[in-house]
PDB file of N, CA and C in Angstrom:
ATOM      1  N   MET A   1      42.656  26.498  12.555  1.00  0.00           N
ATOM      2  CA  MET A   1      43.187  26.397  11.330  1.00  0.00           C
ATOM      3  C   MET A   1      44.657  26.083  11.266  1.00  0.00           C
ATOM      4  N   PRO A   2      44.543  24.683  10.690  1.00  0.00           N
ATOM      5  CA  PRO A   2      46.128  24.081  10.346  1.00  0.00           C
ATOM      6  C   PRO A   2      47.017  25.255   9.535  1.00  0.00           C
ATOM      7  N   ASN A   3      48.186  25.306   9.939  1.00  0.00           N
ATOM      8  CA  ASN A   3      49.101  26.397   9.053  1.00  0.00           C
ATOM      9  C   ASN A   3      49.794  25.040   8.399  1.00  0.00           C
ATOM     10  N   SER A   4      50.134  24.103   8.725  1.00  0.00           N
ATOM     11  CA  SER A   4      51.208  22.781   8.091  1.00  0.00           C
ATOM     12  C   SER A   4      50.384  21.676   7.983  1.00  0.00           C
ATOM     13  N   PRO A   5      50.809  20.881   7.229  1.00  0.00           N
ATOM     14  CA  PRO A   5      50.226  19.250   7.229  1.00  0.00           C
ATOM     15  C   PRO A   5      50.527  18.742   8.790  1.00  0.00           C
ATOM     16  N   ALA A   6      51.598  18.971   9.521  1.00  0.00           N
ATOM     17  CA  ALA A   6      51.947  18.497  10.386  1.00  0.00           C
ATOM     18  C   ALA A   6      50.894  18.727  11.730  1.00  0.00           C
ATOM     19  N   GLU A   7      50.342  19.725  11.595  1.00  0.00           N
ATOM     20  CA  GLU A   7      49.209  20.406  12.475  1.00  0.00           C
ATOM     21  C   GLU A   7      47.967  19.678  12.218  1.00  0.00           C
ATOM     22  N   LEU A   8      47.505  18.634  11.274  1.00  0.00           N
ATOM     23  CA  LEU A   8      46.548  17.639  10.996  1.00  0.00           C
ATOM     24  C   LEU A   8      46.588  17.004  12.136  1.00  0.00           C
ATOM     25  N   VAL A   9      47.413  16.519  13.114  1.00  0.00           N
ATOM     26  CA  VAL A   9      47.292  15.452  14.291  1.00  0.00           C
ATOM     27  C   VAL A   9      46.357  16.284  15.303  1.00  0.00           C
ATOM     28  N   ASN A  10      46.759  17.294  15.183  1.00  0.00           N
ATOM     29  CA  ASN A  10      46.021  17.972  16.263  1.00  0.00           C
ATOM     30  C   ASN A  10      44.541  18.365  16.003  1.00  0.00           C
ATOM     31  N   HIS A  11      44.189  18.211  14.883  1.00  0.00           N
ATOM     32  CA  HIS A  11      42.431  18.426  14.420  1.00  0.00           C
ATOM     33  C   HIS A  11      41.564  17.421  14.575  1.00  0.00           C
ATOM     34  N   LYS A  12      40.451  17.454  14.351  1.00  0.00           N
ATOM     35  CA  LYS A  12      39.439  16.444  13.941  1.00  0.00           C
ATOM     36  C   LYS A  12      39.511  16.369  12.490  1.00  0.00           C
ATOM     37  N   ILE A  13      39.459  14.952  12.398  1.00  0.00           N
ATOM     38  CA  ILE A  13      39.705  14.778  10.829  1.00  0.00           C
ATOM     39  C   ILE A  13      38.454  13.875  10.541  1.00  0.00           C
ATOM     40  N   VAL A  14      37.370  14.149   9.445  1.00  0.00           N
ATOM     41  CA  VAL A  14      36.533  13.258   8.728  1.00  0.00           C
ATOM     42  C   VAL A  14      37.224  12.807   7.236  1.00  0.00           C
ATOM     43  N   ALA A  15      37.477  11.419   7.698  1.00  0.00           N
ATOM     44  CA  ALA A  15      37.874  10.408   6.415  1.00  0.00           C
ATOM     45  C   ALA A  15      36.998   9.973   5.514  1.00  0.00           C
ATOM     46  N   ALA A  16      37.109  10.131   4.094  1.00  0.00           N
ATOM     47  CA  ALA A  16      36.269   9.390   3.326  1.00  0.00           C
ATOM     48  C   ALA A  16      36.999   8.401   2.785  1.00  0.00           C
ATOM     49  N   SER A  17      36.605   7.237   3.100  1.00  0.00           N
ATOM     50  CA  SER A  17      37.486   5.708   2.823  1.00  0.00           C
ATOM     51  C   SER A  17      37.512   5.590   1.167  1.00  0.00           C
ATOM     52  N   GLY A  18      36.643   6.453   0.664  1.00  0.00           N
ATOM     53  CA  GLY A  18      36.738   5.895  -1.165  1.00  0.00           C
ATOM     54  C   GLY A  18      37.549   6.617  -1.710  1.00  0.00           C
ATOM     55  N   VAL A  19      38.041   8.245  -1.008  1.00  0.00           N
ATOM     56  CA  VAL A  19      39.229   8.713  -1.284  1.00  0.00           C
ATOM     57  C   VAL A  19      40.148   8.698  -0.890  1.00  0.00           C
ATOM     58  N   THR A  20      40.590   8.376   0.284  1.00  0.00           N
ATOM     59  CA  THR A  20      41.530   7.840   0.889  1.00  0.00           C
ATOM     60  C   THR A  20      41.245   6.861   1.971  1.00  0.00           C
ATOM     61  N   PRO A  21      41.442   5.636   1.094  1.00  0.00           N
ATOM     62  CA  PRO A  21      41.725   4.376   2.010  1.00  0.00           C
ATOM     63  C   PRO A  21      42.835   3.890   2.714  1.00  0.00           C
ATOM     64  N   VAL A  22      43.755   4.845   2.767  1.00  0.00           N
ATOM     65  CA  VAL A  22      44.581   4.691   3.818  1.00  0.00           C
ATOM     66  C   VAL A  22      44.933   6.059   4.556  1.00  0.00           C
ATOM     67  N   MET A  23      45.348   5.947   5.694  1.00  0.00           N
ATOM     68  CA  MET A  23      45.330   7.489   6.681  1.00  0.00           C
ATOM     69  C   MET A  23      46.321   8.054   6.545  1.00  0.00           C
ATOM     70  N   ASP A  24      47.324   7.721   5.506  1.00  0.00           N
ATOM     71  CA  ASP A  24      48.215   8.782   5.015  1.00  0.00           C
ATOM     72  C   ASP A  24      47.940   9.700   3.926  1.00  0.00           C
ATOM     73  N   TRP A  25      47.668  10.826   4.721  1.00  0.00           N
ATOM     74  CA  TRP A  25      47.827  12.014   3.476  1.00  0.00           C
ATOM     75  C   TRP A  25      48.929  12.575   3.049  1.00  0.00           C
ATOM     76  N   LYS A  26      49.038  12.653   1.507  1.00  0.00           N
ATOM     77  CA  LYS A  26      50.248  12.770   1.210  1.00  0.00           C
ATOM     78  C   LYS A  26      50.136  14.319   0.566  1.00  0.00           C
ATOM     79  N   PHE A  27      51.124  15.517   0.616  1.00  0.00           N
ATOM     80  CA  PHE A  27      51.266  16.715   0.512  1.00  0.00           C
ATOM     81  C   PHE A  27      52.460  17.314  -0.650  1.00  0.00           C
ATOM     82  N   ALA A  28      51.996  18.132  -1.253  1.00  0.00           N
ATOM     83  CA  ALA A  28      53.653  18.552  -1.912  1.00  0.00           C
ATOM     84  C   ALA A  28      54.516  18.658  -0.560  1.00  0.00           C
ATOM     85  N   GLN A  29      56.052  18.759  -1.475  1.00  0.00           N
ATOM     86  CA  GLN A  29      56.845  19.301  -0.653  1.00  0.00           C
ATOM     87  C   GLN A  29      57.472  17.750  -0.245  1.00  0.00           C
ATOM     88  N   GLY A  30      57.215  17.009  -0.127  1.00  0.00           N
ATOM     89  CA  GLY A  30      57.311  15.302   0.487  1.00  0.00           C
ATOM     90  C   GLY A  30      56.539  15.222   1.656  1.00  0.00           C
ATOM     91  N   ASN A  31      55.608  15.871   1.951  1.00  0.00           N
ATOM     92  CA  ASN A  31      54.732  16.164   3.338  1.00  0.00           C
ATOM     93  C   ASN A  31      53.903  14.788   3.394  1.00  0.00           C
ATOM     94  N   THR A  32      54.020  13.951   4.333  1.00  0.00           N
ATOM     95  CA  THR A  32      52.892  13.048   4.878  1.00  0.00           C
ATOM     96  C   THR A  32      52.486  12.946   5.885  1.00  0.00           C
ATOM     97  N   VAL A  33      51.440  12.843   6.184  1.00  0.00           N
ATOM     98  CA  VAL A  33      50.862  12.971   7.657  1.00  0.00           C
ATOM     99  C   VAL A  33      50.181  11.882   7.987  1.00  0.00           C
ATOM    100  N   ARG A  34      50.034  10.797   8.723  1.00  0.00           N
ATOM    101  CA  ARG A  34      49.045   9.904   9.126  1.00  0.00           C
ATOM    102  C   ARG A  34      47.837  10.532  10.048  1.00  0.00           C
ATOM    103  N   VAL A  35      46.964  10.361   9.640  1.00  0.00           N
ATOM    104  CA  VAL A  35      45.959  10.736  10.479  1.00  0.00           C
ATOM    105  C   VAL A  35      45.170  10.109  11.128  1.00  0.00           C
ATOM    106  N   LYS A  36      44.592  10.625  12.268  1.00  0.00           N
ATOM    107  CA  LYS A  36      43.577   9.587  12.992  1.00  0.00           C
ATOM    108  C   LYS A  36      42.187  10.275  13.093  1.00  0.00           C
ATOM    109  N   PRO A  37      41.336   9.634  12.053  1.00  0.00           N
ATOM    110  CA  PRO A  37      40.016  10.309  12.010  1.00  0.00           C
ATOM    111  C   PRO A  37      39.147   9.914  12.977  1.00  0.00           C
ATOM    112  N   LEU A  38      38.459  11.068  13.252  1.00  0.00           N
ATOM    113  CA  LEU A  38      37.534  11.122  14.461  1.00  0.00           C
ATOM    114  C   LEU A  38      36.346  10.082  13.845  1.00  0.00           C
ATOM    115  N   LEU A  39      36.010  10.089  12.714  1.00  0.00           N
ATOM    116  CA  LEU A  39      34.914   9.560  11.857  1.00  0.00           C
ATOM    117  C   LEU A  39      35.526   9.381  10.454  1.00  0.00           C
ATOM    118  N   THR A  40      35.164   8.048   9.891  1.00  0.00           N
ATOM    119  CA  THR A  40      35.623   7.438   9.001  1.00  0.00           C
ATOM    120  C   THR A  40      34.261   7.227   8.172  1.00  0.00           C
ATOM    121  N   VAL A  41      33.901   7.647   6.845  1.00  0.00           N
ATOM    122  CA  VAL A  41      32.558   7.328   6.043  1.00  0.00           C
ATOM    123  C   VAL A  41      33.259   6.690   4.798  1.00  0.00           C
ATOM    124  N   ASN A  42      32.219   5.908   4.143  1.00  0.00           N
ATOM    125  CA  ASN A  42      32.380   5.163   3.207  1.00  0.00           C
ATOM    126  C   ASN A  42      31.818   6.300   1.690  1.00  0.00           C
ATOM    127  N   SER A  43      31.490   7.563   1.716  1.00  0.00           N
ATOM    128  CA  SER A  43      31.027   8.222   0.603  1.00  0.00           C
ATOM    129  C   SER A  43      31.626   9.723   1.031  1.00  0.00           C
ATOM    130  N   ASN A  44      31.518  10.303  -0.582  1.00  0.00           N
ATOM    131  CA  ASN A  44      32.224  11.754  -0.017  1.00  0.00           C
ATOM    132  C   ASN A  44      30.943  12.535  -0.021  1.00  0.00           C
ATOM    133  N   ASP A  45      30.003  12.326  -0.220  1.00  0.00           N
ATOM    134  CA  ASP A  45      28.814  13.233   0.509  1.00  0.00           C
ATOM    135  C   ASP A  45      28.416  12.763   2.159  1.00  0.00           C
ATOM    136  N   ALA A  46      28.801  11.977   2.263  1.00  0.00           N
ATOM    137  CA  ALA A  46      28.649  11.506   3.622  1.00  0.00           C
ATOM    138  C   ALA A  46      29.889  12.732   4.508  1.00  0.00           C
ATOM    139  N   ALA A  47      31.257  12.693   3.961  1.00  0.00           N
ATOM    140  CA  ALA A  47      32.218  13.617   4.177  1.00  0.00           C
ATOM    141  C   ALA A  47      31.707  14.859   4.362  1.00  0.00           C
ATOM    142  N   ILE A  48      31.391  15.476   3.426  1.00  0.00           N
ATOM    143  CA  ILE A  48      30.784  16.645   2.853  1.00  0.00           C
ATOM    144  C   ILE A  48      29.693  17.054   4.332  1.00  0.00           C
ATOM    145  N   ASP A  49      28.775  16.202   4.161  1.00  0.00           N
ATOM    146  CA  ASP A  49      27.755  16.516   5.192  1.00  0.00           C
ATOM    147  C   ASP A  49      28.066  16.742   6.797  1.00  0.00           C
ATOM    148  N   ALA A  50      29.249  15.641   6.889  1.00  0.00           N
ATOM    149  CA  ALA A  50      29.919  16.114   8.338  1.00  0.00           C
ATOM    150  C   ALA A  50      30.761  17.118   8.476  1.00  0.00           C
ATOM    151  N   VAL A  51      31.437  17.300   7.585  1.00  0.00           N
ATOM    152  CA  VAL A  51      32.333  18.521   7.794  1.00  0.00           C
ATOM    153  C   VAL A  51      31.176  20.169   7.663  1.00  0.00           C
ATOM    154  N   LEU A  52      30.131  19.801   7.038  1.00  0.00           N
ATOM    155  CA  LEU A  52      29.187  20.744   7.209  1.00  0.00           C
ATOM    156  C   LEU A  52      28.636  21.383   8.650  1.00  0.00           C
ATOM    157  N   GLN A  53      28.473  19.826   9.444  1.00  0.00           N
ATOM    158  CA  GLN A  53      28.044  20.120  10.763  1.00  0.00           C
ATOM    159  C   GLN A  53      28.801  20.450  11.492  1.00  0.00           C
ATOM    160  N   GLY A  54      29.933  20.613  11.216  1.00  0.00           N
ATOM    161  CA  GLY A  54      31.346  21.129  11.976  1.00  0.00           C
ATOM    162  C   GLY A  54      32.075  20.050  13.055  1.00  0.00           C
ATOM    163  N   LEU A  55      32.078  18.604  12.106  1.00  0.00           N
ATOM    164  CA  LEU A  55      32.739  17.797  13.015  1.00  0.00           C
ATOM    165  C   LEU A  55      34.592  17.866  12.629  1.00  0.00           C
ATOM    166  N   GLY A  56      35.011  18.141  11.499  1.00  0.00           N
ATOM    167  CA  GLY A  56      36.437  18.302  11.658  1.00  0.00           C
ATOM    168  C   GLY A  56      36.639  18.708   9.958  1.00  0.00           C
ATOM    169  N   ILE A  57      37.986  18.221   9.680  1.00  0.00           N
ATOM    170  CA  ILE A  57      38.404  18.550   8.344  1.00  0.00           C
ATOM    171  C   ILE A  57      38.463  17.478   7.402  1.00  0.00           C
ATOM    172  N   THR A  58      38.259  17.703   6.091  1.00  0.00           N
ATOM    173  CA  THR A  58      37.998  16.377   5.481  1.00  0.00           C
ATOM    174  C   THR A  58      39.267  16.721   4.172  1.00  0.00           C
ATOM    175  N   ARG A  59      39.326  15.546   3.841  1.00  0.00           N
ATOM    176  CA  ARG A  59      39.902  15.876   2.274  1.00  0.00           C
ATOM    177  C   ARG A  59      39.578  15.262   1.231  1.00  0.00           C
ATOM    178  N   LEU A  60      38.892  16.247   0.063  1.00  0.00           N
ATOM    179  CA  LEU A  60      38.484  15.772  -1.062  1.00  0.00           C
ATOM    180  C   LEU A  60      38.889  16.539  -2.142  1.00  0.00           C
ATOM    181  N   LEU A  61      37.966  15.904  -3.552  1.00  0.00           N
ATOM    182  CA  LEU A  61      38.857  16.798  -4.762  1.00  0.00           C
ATOM    183  C   LEU A  61      37.718  17.956  -4.772  1.00  0.00           C
ATOM    184  N   SER A  62      38.394  18.852  -5.437  1.00  0.00           N
ATOM    185  CA  SER A  62      37.951  20.274  -5.521  1.00  0.00           C
ATOM    186  C   SER A  62      36.791  20.609  -6.219  1.00  0.00           C
ATOM    187  N   TYR A  63      36.332  19.957  -7.456  1.00  0.00           N
ATOM    188  CA  TYR A  63      35.265  19.935  -8.190  1.00  0.00           C
ATOM    189  C   TYR A  63      34.063  19.328  -7.031  1.00  0.00           C
ATOM    190  N   GLN A  64      34.278  17.949  -6.078  1.00  0.00           N
ATOM    191  CA  GLN A  64      33.446  17.675  -4.926  1.00  0.00           C
ATOM    192  C   GLN A  64      32.633  18.747  -4.256  1.00  0.00           C
ATOM    193  N   VAL A  65      33.625  19.450  -3.913  1.00  0.00           N
ATOM    194  CA  VAL A  65      33.129  20.351  -2.869  1.00  0.00           C
ATOM    195  C   VAL A  65      33.032  21.768  -3.510  1.00  0.00           C
ATOM    196  N   ALA A  66      33.015  22.265  -4.769  1.00  0.00           N
ATOM    197  CA  ALA A  66      33.170  23.364  -5.391  1.00  0.00           C
ATOM    198  C   ALA A  66      32.068  24.382  -4.645  1.00  0.00           C
ATOM    199  N   SER A  67      30.904  23.731  -5.129  1.00  0.00           N
ATOM    200  CA  SER A  67      29.568  24.363  -4.700  1.00  0.00           C
ATOM    201  C   SER A  67      29.470  25.126  -3.396  1.00  0.00           C
ATOM    202  N   HIS A  68      30.175  24.189  -2.308  1.00  0.00           N
ATOM    203  CA  HIS A  68      30.275  24.703  -0.921  1.00  0.00           C
ATOM    204  C   HIS A  68      31.216  25.824  -0.552  1.00  0.00           C
ATOM    205  N   VAL A  69      32.285  25.744  -1.457  1.00  0.00           N
ATOM    206  CA  VAL A  69      33.621  26.485  -1.524  1.00  0.00           C
ATOM    207  C   VAL A  69      32.930  27.894  -1.800  1.00  0.00           C
ATOM    208  N   ASN A  70      32.431  27.648  -3.052  1.00  0.00           N
ATOM    209  CA  ASN A  70      31.837  28.922  -3.320  1.00  0.00           C
ATOM    210  C   ASN A  70      30.760  29.803  -2.974  1.00  0.00           C
ATOM    211  N   SER A  71      29.838  28.846  -2.147  1.00  0.00           N
ATOM    212  CA  SER A  71      28.742  29.640  -1.212  1.00  0.00           C
ATOM    213  C   SER A  71      29.576  30.244   0.236  1.00  0.00           C
ATOM    214  N   GLY A  72      30.519  29.575   0.641  1.00  0.00           N
ATOM    215  CA  GLY A  72      30.952  30.302   1.670  1.00  0.00           C
ATOM    216  C   GLY A  72      30.920  28.772   2.817  1.00  0.00           C
ATOM    217  N   GLN A  73      30.230  28.105   2.479  1.00  0.00           N
ATOM    218  CA  GLN A  73      29.908  26.733   3.405  1.00  0.00           C
ATOM    219  C   GLN A  73      31.144  26.484   4.013  1.00  0.00           C
ATOM    220  N   LEU A  74      31.923  26.313   2.979  1.00  0.00           N
ATOM    221  CA  LEU A  74      33.127  25.381   3.428  1.00  0.00           C
ATOM    222  C   LEU A  74      34.628  26.350   2.736  1.00  0.00           C
ATOM    223  N   GLN A  75      35.807  25.969   3.784  1.00  0.00           N
ATOM    224  CA  GLN A  75      36.746  26.854   2.930  1.00  0.00           C
ATOM    225  C   GLN A  75      38.004  26.068   2.705  1.00  0.00           C
ATOM    226  N   THR A  76      38.928  26.227   1.824  1.00  0.00           N
ATOM    227  CA  THR A  76      39.748  25.518   1.718  1.00  0.00           C
ATOM    228  C   THR A  76      41.267  25.762   2.806  1.00  0.00           C
ATOM    229  N   VAL A  77      41.531  24.550   3.102  1.00  0.00           N
ATOM    230  CA  VAL A  77      42.840  24.875   4.117  1.00  0.00           C
ATOM    231  C   VAL A  77      44.118  24.163   3.541  1.00  0.00           C
ATOM    232  N   LEU A  78      45.388  24.826   3.872  1.00  0.00           N
ATOM    233  CA  LEU A  78      46.519  24.235   3.183  1.00  0.00           C
ATOM    234  C   LEU A  78      46.624  24.117   1.863  1.00  0.00           C
ATOM    235  N   SER A  79      46.046  24.869   1.430  1.00  0.00           N
ATOM    236  CA  SER A  79      46.093  25.107  -0.642  1.00  0.00           C
ATOM    237  C   SER A  79      47.903  25.106  -0.591  1.00  0.00           C
ATOM    238  N   GLU A  80      48.583  25.713   0.093  1.00  0.00           N
ATOM    239  CA  GLU A  80      50.197  25.794  -0.386  1.00  0.00           C
ATOM    240  C   GLU A  80      50.806  24.664  -0.487  1.00  0.00           C
ATOM    241  N   PHE A  81      49.968  23.755   0.098  1.00  0.00           N
ATOM    242  CA  PHE A  81      50.455  22.632   0.366  1.00  0.00           C
ATOM    243  C   PHE A  81      49.991  21.317  -0.667  1.00  0.00           C
ATOM    244  N   GLU A  82      49.270  21.619  -1.630  1.00  0.00           N
ATOM    245  CA  GLU A  82      48.084  21.139  -2.384  1.00  0.00           C
ATOM    246  C   GLU A  82      49.339  20.102  -3.668  1.00  0.00           C
ATOM    247  N   THR A  83      49.159  18.871  -3.795  1.00  0.00           N
ATOM    248  CA  THR A  83      49.841  18.056  -4.809  1.00  0.00           C
ATOM    249  C   THR A  83      49.749  18.592  -6.082  1.00  0.00           C
ATOM    250  N   LYS A  84      50.454  18.431  -7.103  1.00  0.00           N
ATOM    251  CA  LYS A  84      50.604  18.889  -8.490  1.00  0.00           C
ATOM    252  C   LYS A  84      49.018  18.360  -9.001  1.00  0.00           C
ATOM    253  N   THR A  85      48.166  18.908  -9.734  1.00  0.00           N
ATOM    254  CA  THR A  85      47.002  18.692 -10.386  1.00  0.00           C
ATOM    255  C   THR A  85      47.117  17.379 -11.394  1.00  0.00           C
ATOM    256  N   LEU A  86      46.289  16.837 -11.513  1.00  0.00           N
ATOM    257  CA  LEU A  86      46.045  15.729 -12.125  1.00  0.00           C
ATOM    258  C   LEU A  86      44.944  16.205 -13.670  1.00  0.00           C
ATOM    259  N   PRO A  87      45.827  15.774 -14.893  1.00  0.00           N
ATOM    260  CA  PRO A  87      45.096  16.089 -15.779  1.00  0.00           C
ATOM    261  C   PRO A  87      43.858  15.426 -16.157  1.00  0.00           C
ATOM    262  N   ILE A  88      42.663  16.127 -17.039  1.00  0.00           N
ATOM    263  CA  ILE A  88      41.732  15.465 -17.154  1.00  0.00           C
ATOM    264  C   ILE A  88      41.641  14.990 -18.561  1.00  0.00           C
ATOM    265  N   HIS A  89      41.154  13.725 -18.946  1.00  0.00           N
ATOM    266  CA  HIS A  89      41.058  13.698 -20.565  1.00  0.00           C
ATOM    267  C   HIS A  89      39.769  13.065 -20.851  1.00  0.00           C
ATOM    268  N   VAL A  90      39.316  13.304 -22.190  1.00  0.00           N
ATOM    269  CA  VAL A  90      38.023  13.379 -22.696  1.00  0.00           C
ATOM    270  C   VAL A  90      38.294  12.574 -23.972  1.00  0.00           C
ATOM    271  N   VAL A  91      38.187  11.139 -23.916  1.00  0.00           N
ATOM    272  CA  VAL A  91      38.361  10.157 -25.240  1.00  0.00           C
ATOM    273  C   VAL A  91      37.141   9.614 -25.690  1.00  0.00           C
ATOM    274  N   HIS A  92      37.307   9.977 -27.043  1.00  0.00           N
ATOM    275  CA  HIS A  92      36.373   9.585 -28.021  1.00  0.00           C
ATOM    276  C   HIS A  92      36.960   9.244 -29.284  1.00  0.00           C
ATOM    277  N   ARG A  93      36.125   8.335 -30.222  1.00  0.00           N
ATOM    278  CA  ARG A  93      36.260   7.594 -31.220  1.00  0.00           C
ATOM    279  C   ARG A  93      36.384   8.835 -32.213  1.00  0.00           C
ATOM    280  N   GLU A  94      37.486   8.801 -33.232  1.00  0.00           N
ATOM    281  CA  GLU A  94      37.405   9.840 -34.040  1.00  0.00           C
ATOM    282  C   GLU A  94      37.121   8.815 -35.557  1.00  0.00           C
ATOM    283  N   GLY A  95      37.246   9.528 -36.576  1.00  0.00           N
ATOM    284  CA  GLY A  95      37.310   9.024 -38.058  1.00  0.00           C
ATOM    285  C   GLY A  95      36.040   8.960 -38.456  1.00  0.00           C
ATOM    286  N   ARG A  96      35.995   7.884 -39.474  1.00  0.00           N
ATOM    287  CA  ARG A  96      34.524   7.822 -40.287  1.00  0.00           C
ATOM    288  C   ARG A  96      33.402   7.392 -39.428  1.00  0.00           C
ATOM    289  N   TYR A  97      33.683   6.673 -38.238  1.00  0.00           N
ATOM    290  CA  TYR A  97      32.463   6.242 -37.411  1.00  0.00           C
ATOM    291  C   TYR A  97      32.240   6.989 -36.439  1.00  0.00           C
ATOM    292  N   ALA A  98      33.003   8.396 -36.376  1.00  0.00           N
ATOM    293  CA  ALA A  98      32.689   9.204 -35.048  1.00  0.00           C
ATOM    294  C   ALA A  98      31.157  10.109 -35.553  1.00  0.00           C
ATOM    295  N   SER A  99      30.875  10.134 -34.438  1.00  0.00           N
ATOM    296  CA  SER A  99      29.325  10.855 -34.303  1.00  0.00           C
ATOM    297  C   SER A  99      29.263  12.518 -34.430  1.00  0.00           C
ATOM    298  N   ALA A 100      28.595  13.074 -35.192  1.00  0.00           N
ATOM    299  CA  ALA A 100      28.919  14.602 -34.672  1.00  0.00           C
ATOM    300  C   ALA A 100      27.855  14.935 -33.395  1.00  0.00           C
ATOM    301  N   LYS A 101      27.222  14.149 -32.753  1.00  0.00           N
ATOM    302  CA  LYS A 101      26.666  14.562 -31.563  1.00  0.00           C
ATOM    303  C   LYS A 101      27.497  14.507 -30.713  1.00  0.00           C
ATOM    304  N   ILE A 102      28.459  13.263 -30.869  1.00  0.00           N
ATOM    305  CA  ILE A 102      29.874  13.095 -29.608  1.00  0.00           C
ATOM    306  C   ILE A 102      30.547  14.203 -29.909  1.00  0.00           C
ATOM    307  N   ARG A 103      30.890  14.620 -31.163  1.00  0.00           N
ATOM    308  CA  ARG A 103      32.087  15.553 -31.291  1.00  0.00           C
ATOM    309  C   ARG A 103      31.604  17.019 -30.519  1.00  0.00           C
ATOM    310  N   THR A 104      30.253  17.334 -30.794  1.00  0.00           N
ATOM    311  CA  THR A 104      29.576  18.447 -30.574  1.00  0.00           C
ATOM    312  C   THR A 104      29.918  18.539 -28.828  1.00  0.00           C
ATOM    313  N   PHE A 105      29.413  17.323 -28.141  1.00  0.00           N
ATOM    314  CA  PHE A 105      29.562  17.227 -26.738  1.00  0.00           C
ATOM    315  C   PHE A 105      30.719  17.045 -26.371  1.00  0.00           C
ATOM    316  N   VAL A 106      31.771  16.755 -27.007  1.00  0.00           N
ATOM    317  CA  VAL A 106      33.221  16.777 -26.775  1.00  0.00           C
ATOM    318  C   VAL A 106      33.666  18.152 -26.545  1.00  0.00           C
ATOM    319  N   ASP A 107      33.372  18.797 -27.726  1.00  0.00           N
ATOM    320  CA  ASP A 107      33.934  20.302 -27.647  1.00  0.00           C
ATOM    321  C   ASP A 107      33.089  21.261 -26.645  1.00  0.00           C
ATOM    322  N   PHE A 108      31.981  20.632 -26.309  1.00  0.00           N
ATOM    323  CA  PHE A 108      31.293  21.593 -25.329  1.00  0.00           C
ATOM    324  C   PHE A 108      31.875  21.027 -23.988  1.00  0.00           C
ATOM    325  N   ILE A 109      32.078  20.194 -23.807  1.00  0.00           N
ATOM    326  CA  ILE A 109      32.925  19.716 -22.527  1.00  0.00           C
ATOM    327  C   ILE A 109      34.024  20.239 -21.906  1.00  0.00           C
ATOM    328  N   VAL A 110      35.045  19.967 -23.285  1.00  0.00           N
ATOM    329  CA  VAL A 110      36.400  20.470 -23.215  1.00  0.00           C
ATOM    330  C   VAL A 110      36.604  22.077 -22.850  1.00  0.00           C
ATOM    331  N   SER A 111      35.560  22.735 -23.326  1.00  0.00           N
ATOM    332  CA  SER A 111      35.387  24.151 -23.263  1.00  0.00           C
ATOM    333  C   SER A 111      35.159  24.484 -21.943  1.00  0.00           C
ATOM    334  N   ARG A 112      33.958  23.865 -21.221  1.00  0.00           N
ATOM    335  CA  ARG A 112      33.375  24.026 -19.747  1.00  0.00           C
ATOM    336  C   ARG A 112      34.851  23.409 -18.848  1.00  0.00           C
ATOM    337  N   LEU A 113      35.429  22.274 -19.191  1.00  0.00           N
ATOM    338  CA  LEU A 113      36.572  21.881 -18.294  1.00  0.00           C
ATOM    339  C   LEU A 113      37.514  22.961 -18.167  1.00  0.00           C
ATOM    340  N   ARG A 114      38.181  23.382 -19.419  1.00  0.00           N
ATOM    341  CA  ARG A 114      38.940  24.634 -19.394  1.00  0.00           C
ATOM    342  C   ARG A 114      38.549  26.001 -18.653  1.00  0.00           C
ATOM    343  N   THR A 115      37.344  26.303 -18.412  1.00  0.00           N
ATOM    344  CA  THR A 115      37.101  27.578 -17.765  1.00  0.00           C
ATOM    345  C   THR A 115      36.364  27.215 -16.375  1.00  0.00           C
ATOM    346  N   ALA A 116      36.666  25.793 -15.766  1.00  0.00           N
ATOM    347  CA  ALA A 116      36.225  25.453 -14.734  1.00  0.00           C
ATOM    348  C   ALA A 116      36.780  26.026 -13.765  1.00  0.00           C
ATOM    349  N   GLN A 117      36.667  27.306 -13.097  1.00  0.00           N
ATOM    350  CA  GLN A 117      37.884  27.640 -12.157  1.00  0.00           C
ATOM    351  C   GLN A 117      38.389  26.990 -10.898  1.00  0.00           C
ATOM    352  N   LEU A 118      37.537  26.148 -10.340  1.00  0.00           N
ATOM    353  CA  LEU A 118      38.247  25.137  -9.428  1.00  0.00           C
ATOM    354  C   LEU A 118      39.097  23.788  -9.754  1.00  0.00           C
ATOM    355  N   LEU A 119      39.029  23.862 -11.145  1.00  0.00           N
ATOM    356  CA  LEU A 119      39.885  22.677 -11.820  1.00  0.00           C
ATOM    357  C   LEU A 119      40.792  23.259 -12.390  1.00  0.00           C
ATOM    358  N   ASN A 120      41.318  24.696 -12.324  1.00  0.00           N
ATOM    359  CA  ASN A 120      42.327  25.003 -13.319  1.00  0.00           C
ATOM    360  C   ASN A 120      43.120  25.849 -12.073  1.00  0.00           C
TER     361      ASN A 120
END
């Protein structure tokens, strides 16, 4: 289990090129590590599958691995070095052309996003 980003150089890395096209992983507090992946895949699902098979450590967004973290299949590492969270915006048309169905959906999705534990 790595205790700092610098220790990733001693671990097997599975890189998802869609998430991290360059192999410099940036962390909070100005930490940047150039990883040398054991395996590079082009989809997040393939990275998750590889990690579930024990091939190494990967870097993905929390919602992409939420079910596996919740079930105990995967665990988060280096959480104290996570970068600042990014906001999620729900954009829709307001005014007299706004649809009541869309407004209902927006209200629903906003409430779900605000209560999603791995997003907050």
